[in-house]
Amino acid sequence: MKKILFTVIVIVCLAIINDLTRSVYDIWNKKDFVSKAEQELEAQKDLNNKLKSELSYVQTPEFIEKEARNKLFMAKEGEQRVLVSKPQEELVPNAKEKEIPNWQQWWNLFFE
């Protein structure tokens, strides 16, 4: 009877040790997960702060004026806008390209 009781106690103790070992292993893995999540949180906080500062800059009158002047071609009173055109040689395609036959242009594209 003592041997059976001893065997049952040993089996129960082994089961408890097994469960505790698994719990410790799970907690160890969750600690790594939490530290990665904290790093990601810090990165997102930095990004959030950067975006907030960018938003505050975008809402300033200086930025609005700069965008209006650059994109809408507006000018202040007393200022003049100067438009510079491209030189003529850039506007006209090269004559050499027109002289090369189409098949040779493809050949040059793939084999040279």
Protein backbone atom coordinates (compact mmCIF):
# COMPACT_ATOMS: atom_id res chain seq x y z
CA MET A 1 0.00 0.00 0.00
CA LYS A 2 2.85 2.39 0.80
CA LYS A 3 4.43 1.76 -2.62
CA ILE A 4 1.18 2.55 -4.43
CA LEU A 5 0.72 5.73 -2.36
CA PHE A 6 4.35 6.71 -2.98
CA THR A 7 3.96 6.09 -6.74
CA VAL A 8 0.77 8.17 -6.88
CA ILE A 9 2.45 11.02 -4.98
CA VAL A 10 5.47 10.91 -7.33
CA ILE A 11 3.19 10.98 -10.40
CA VAL A 12 1.19 13.90 -8.98
CA CYS A 13 4.42 15.75 -8.15
CA LEU A 14 5.75 15.15 -11.69
CA ALA A 15 2.50 16.47 -13.16
CA ILE A 16 2.72 19.58 -10.98
CA ILE A 17 6.38 20.08 -11.94
CA ASN A 18 5.46 19.70 -15.61
CA ASP A 19 2.68 22.30 -15.33
CA LEU A 20 4.94 24.72 -13.44
CA THR A 21 7.68 24.30 -16.06
CA ARG A 22 5.21 25.10 -18.85
CA SER A 23 3.92 28.13 -16.95
CA VAL A 24 7.45 29.47 -16.43
CA TYR A 25 8.22 28.93 -20.13
CA ASP A 26 5.00 30.74 -21.19
CA ILE A 27 5.74 33.65 -18.85
CA TRP A 28 9.29 33.88 -20.24
CA ASN A 29 7.94 34.07 -23.81
CA LYS A 30 5.34 36.66 -22.83
CA LYS A 31 8.08 38.80 -21.28
CA ASP A 32 9.80 38.94 -24.69
CA PHE A 33 6.46 39.79 -26.31
CA VAL A 34 5.87 42.60 -23.83
CA SER A 35 9.34 44.06 -24.37
CA LYS A 36 8.81 44.02 -28.16
CA ALA A 37 5.42 45.67 -27.70
CA GLU A 38 6.99 48.38 -25.51
CA GLN A 39 9.62 49.08 -28.18
CA GLU A 40 6.91 49.32 -30.82
CA LEU A 41 4.93 51.65 -28.56
CA GLU A 42 7.94 53.94 -28.15
CA ALA A 43 8.48 53.99 -31.92
CA GLN A 44 4.81 54.85 -32.49
CA LYS A 45 4.98 57.60 -29.85
CA ASP A 46 8.00 59.11 -31.61
CA LEU A 47 6.18 58.95 -34.93
CA ASN A 48 3.10 60.51 -33.35
CA ASN A 49 5.16 63.39 -31.93
CA LYS A 50 6.81 63.93 -35.30
CA LEU A 51 3.44 63.99 -37.07
CA LYS A 52 2.01 66.39 -34.48
CA SER A 53 4.88 68.80 -35.00
CA GLU A 54 4.48 68.51 -38.76
CA LEU A 55 0.76 69.18 -38.42
CA SER A 56 1.41 72.27 -36.33
CA TYR A 57 3.87 73.52 -38.98
CA VAL A 58 1.40 72.85 -41.80
CA GLN A 59 -1.22 74.94 -40.04
CA THR A 60 1.03 78.00 -39.75
CA PRO A 61 0.44 80.99 -42.01
CA GLU A 62 4.01 80.78 -43.30
CA PHE A 63 3.46 77.28 -44.67
CA ILE A 64 0.14 78.23 -46.24
CA GLU A 65 1.73 81.24 -47.89
CA LYS A 66 4.65 79.15 -49.15
CA GLU A 67 2.33 76.53 -50.66
CA ALA A 68 0.13 79.17 -52.26
CA ARG A 69 3.15 80.86 -53.81
CA ASN A 70 4.72 77.61 -55.07
CA LYS A 71 1.75 75.58 -56.22
CA LEU A 72 -0.76 78.23 -57.21
CA PHE A 73 1.81 80.62 -58.71
CA MET A 74 0.65 83.47 -56.53
CA ALA A 75 2.78 86.46 -55.60
CA LYS A 76 2.69 89.21 -53.04
CA GLU A 77 1.81 92.73 -54.05
CA GLY A 78 4.75 94.35 -55.78
CA GLU A 79 6.35 91.04 -56.72
CA GLN A 80 6.56 89.69 -60.23
CA ARG A 81 6.53 86.05 -61.27
CA VAL A 82 9.11 84.99 -63.82
CA LEU A 83 8.47 81.90 -65.93
CA VAL A 84 11.52 80.34 -67.55
CA SER A 85 10.96 78.14 -70.57
CA LYS A 86 13.16 75.24 -71.58
CA PRO A 87 15.74 75.79 -74.30
CA GLN A 88 14.62 74.87 -77.83
CA GLU A 89 16.98 71.88 -78.19
CA GLU A 90 15.31 70.17 -75.23
CA LEU A 91 11.85 70.64 -76.74
CA VAL A 92 12.71 69.12 -80.15
CA PRO A 93 13.59 65.39 -80.18
CA ASN A 94 16.95 64.48 -81.61
CA ALA A 95 17.03 63.95 -85.36
CA LYS A 96 19.26 60.89 -84.93
CA GLU A 97 16.52 59.01 -83.12
CA LYS A 98 14.15 59.57 -86.04
CA GLU A 99 16.70 58.19 -88.53
CA ILE A 100 17.19 54.85 -86.74
CA PRO A 101 14.68 52.22 -87.89
CA ASN A 102 12.27 50.89 -85.32
CA TRP A 103 13.66 47.32 -85.38
CA GLN A 104 17.15 48.64 -84.71
CA GLN A 105 15.95 50.66 -81.74
CA TRP A 106 14.46 47.47 -80.25
CA TRP A 107 17.70 45.61 -80.99
CA ASN A 108 19.69 48.32 -79.22
CA LEU A 109 17.34 48.26 -76.27
CA PHE A 110 17.70 44.54 -75.63
CA PHE A 111 21.21 43.68 -76.81
CA GLU A 112 23.37 46.70 -76.17
